[in-house]
């Protein structure tokens, strides 16, 4: 694989509840994208990934991350790793649009 630049308008865009997702890269080794939520919005519950760990990194804003039955408040600059098969969900609890980057490895 060679290096590649992907612009936002070239991404695969999809919705998970009220969460707007953009998938930038999807290979057998890695999946990378972003999620956006406006204040008060909640994404759909992601049931987890069969073999992949997922990392969330908060680029902007503050989110409440539900992992199983636990809640985590993540602010700008914070990251969280989610083990395989762990259900999770994001809610924007801040007062501005939040942006969360996420990646899965290996890719599924």
Protein backbone atom coordinates (compact mmCIF):
# COMPACT_ATOMS: atom_id res chain seq x y z
CA UNK A 1 0.00 0.00 0.00
CA UNK A 2 1.23 3.47 -0.82
CA UNK A 3 0.59 6.67 1.12
CA UNK A 4 -2.77 8.31 0.50
CA UNK A 5 -4.46 11.60 1.41
CA UNK A 6 -8.24 11.55 1.93
CA UNK A 7 -10.31 14.74 2.06
CA UNK A 8 -13.52 14.87 4.15
CA UNK A 9 -15.66 14.98 1.00
CA UNK A 10 -14.04 11.71 -0.16
CA UNK A 11 -14.95 9.72 2.95
CA UNK A 12 -17.72 7.18 3.40
CA UNK A 13 -20.35 9.01 5.48
CA UNK A 14 -22.86 7.12 7.61
CA UNK A 15 -25.10 7.66 10.61
CA UNK A 16 -25.15 5.83 13.94
CA UNK A 17 -28.19 7.30 15.66
CA UNK A 18 -27.60 11.06 15.72
CA UNK A 19 -23.85 10.56 15.24
CA UNK A 20 -22.38 11.52 11.87
CA UNK A 21 -19.47 9.20 11.03
CA UNK A 22 -16.81 9.53 8.37
CA UNK A 23 -14.64 6.57 7.47
CA UNK A 24 -11.30 7.69 6.05
CA UNK A 25 -9.46 4.36 5.79
CA UNK A 26 -10.50 0.71 5.91
CA UNK A 27 -7.90 -2.03 5.46
CA UNK A 28 -7.51 -5.52 6.91
CA UNK A 29 -5.07 -4.04 9.46
CA UNK A 30 -6.84 -0.80 10.44
CA UNK A 31 -10.06 1.23 10.24
CA UNK A 32 -9.89 4.99 10.92
CA UNK A 33 -12.60 7.64 11.05
CA UNK A 34 -14.31 10.43 12.95
CA UNK A 35 -17.64 10.98 14.66
CA UNK A 36 -19.46 14.29 15.13
CA UNK A 37 -22.25 15.03 17.58
CA UNK A 38 -23.99 18.33 18.30
CA UNK A 39 -24.68 19.27 21.95
CA UNK A 40 -27.14 16.85 23.57
CA UNK A 41 -26.99 14.31 20.74
CA UNK A 42 -26.40 10.60 21.33
CA UNK A 43 -25.08 8.04 18.90
CA UNK A 44 -26.44 4.53 18.50
CA UNK A 45 -25.11 1.70 20.65
CA UNK A 46 -22.23 0.01 18.88
CA UNK A 47 -22.33 -3.66 19.92
CA UNK A 48 -18.55 -3.87 19.88
CA UNK A 49 -16.16 -5.47 17.44
CA UNK A 50 -15.50 -9.20 17.28
CA UNK A 51 -11.69 -9.09 17.16
CA UNK A 52 -10.70 -5.41 17.19
CA UNK A 53 -9.72 -3.02 19.91
CA UNK A 54 -11.17 0.45 19.31
CA UNK A 55 -9.56 3.70 20.38
CA UNK A 56 -11.50 6.95 20.80
CA UNK A 57 -9.62 10.28 20.92
CA UNK A 58 -11.56 13.48 21.64
CA UNK A 59 -10.44 16.12 19.16
CA UNK A 60 -12.99 18.74 20.26
CA UNK A 61 -15.61 18.98 22.99
CA UNK A 62 -16.71 16.71 25.83
CA UNK A 63 -18.42 13.35 25.49
CA UNK A 64 -19.91 10.78 27.79
CA UNK A 65 -18.77 7.34 26.72
CA UNK A 66 -20.85 4.39 27.88
CA UNK A 67 -18.85 1.14 27.86
CA UNK A 68 -21.00 -1.76 29.00
CA UNK A 69 -22.49 -0.51 32.28
CA UNK A 70 -19.75 2.09 33.01
CA UNK A 71 -19.68 5.78 32.09
CA UNK A 72 -16.58 7.83 31.26
CA UNK A 73 -16.41 11.59 30.76
CA UNK A 74 -13.85 12.32 28.06
CA UNK A 75 -12.65 15.83 27.37
CA UNK A 76 -10.60 17.27 24.55
CA UNK A 77 -7.20 15.57 24.37
CA UNK A 78 -8.29 12.41 26.22
CA UNK A 79 -8.32 8.90 24.74
CA UNK A 80 -9.93 5.59 25.71
CA UNK A 81 -9.37 2.05 24.47
CA UNK A 82 -12.31 -0.33 24.22
CA UNK A 83 -11.72 -4.11 24.21
CA UNK A 84 -13.27 -6.43 21.61
CA UNK A 85 -17.02 -7.19 21.98
CA UNK A 86 -17.62 -4.32 24.47
CA UNK A 87 -20.85 -2.40 23.64
CA UNK A 88 -20.32 1.39 23.65
CA UNK A 89 -22.13 4.65 22.93
CA UNK A 90 -21.21 8.36 22.72
CA UNK A 91 -23.23 11.36 23.97
CA UNK A 92 -22.14 14.98 23.55
CA UNK A 93 -22.47 16.54 27.03
CA UNK A 94 -20.69 19.78 26.10
CA UNK A 95 -21.91 23.05 24.64
CA UNK A 96 -20.23 22.80 21.22
CA UNK A 97 -20.02 20.27 18.41
CA UNK A 98 -17.77 17.42 19.47
CA UNK A 99 -15.40 15.55 17.19
CA UNK A 100 -14.04 12.16 18.16
CA UNK A 101 -11.51 10.29 16.05
CA UNK A 102 -11.62 6.51 16.24
CA UNK A 103 -9.64 3.60 14.99
CA UNK A 104 -9.99 -0.17 15.05
CA UNK A 105 -7.18 -2.68 14.82
CA UNK A 106 -7.12 -5.09 13.24
CA UNK A 107 -9.62 -3.94 10.61
CA UNK A 108 -12.89 -5.86 10.38
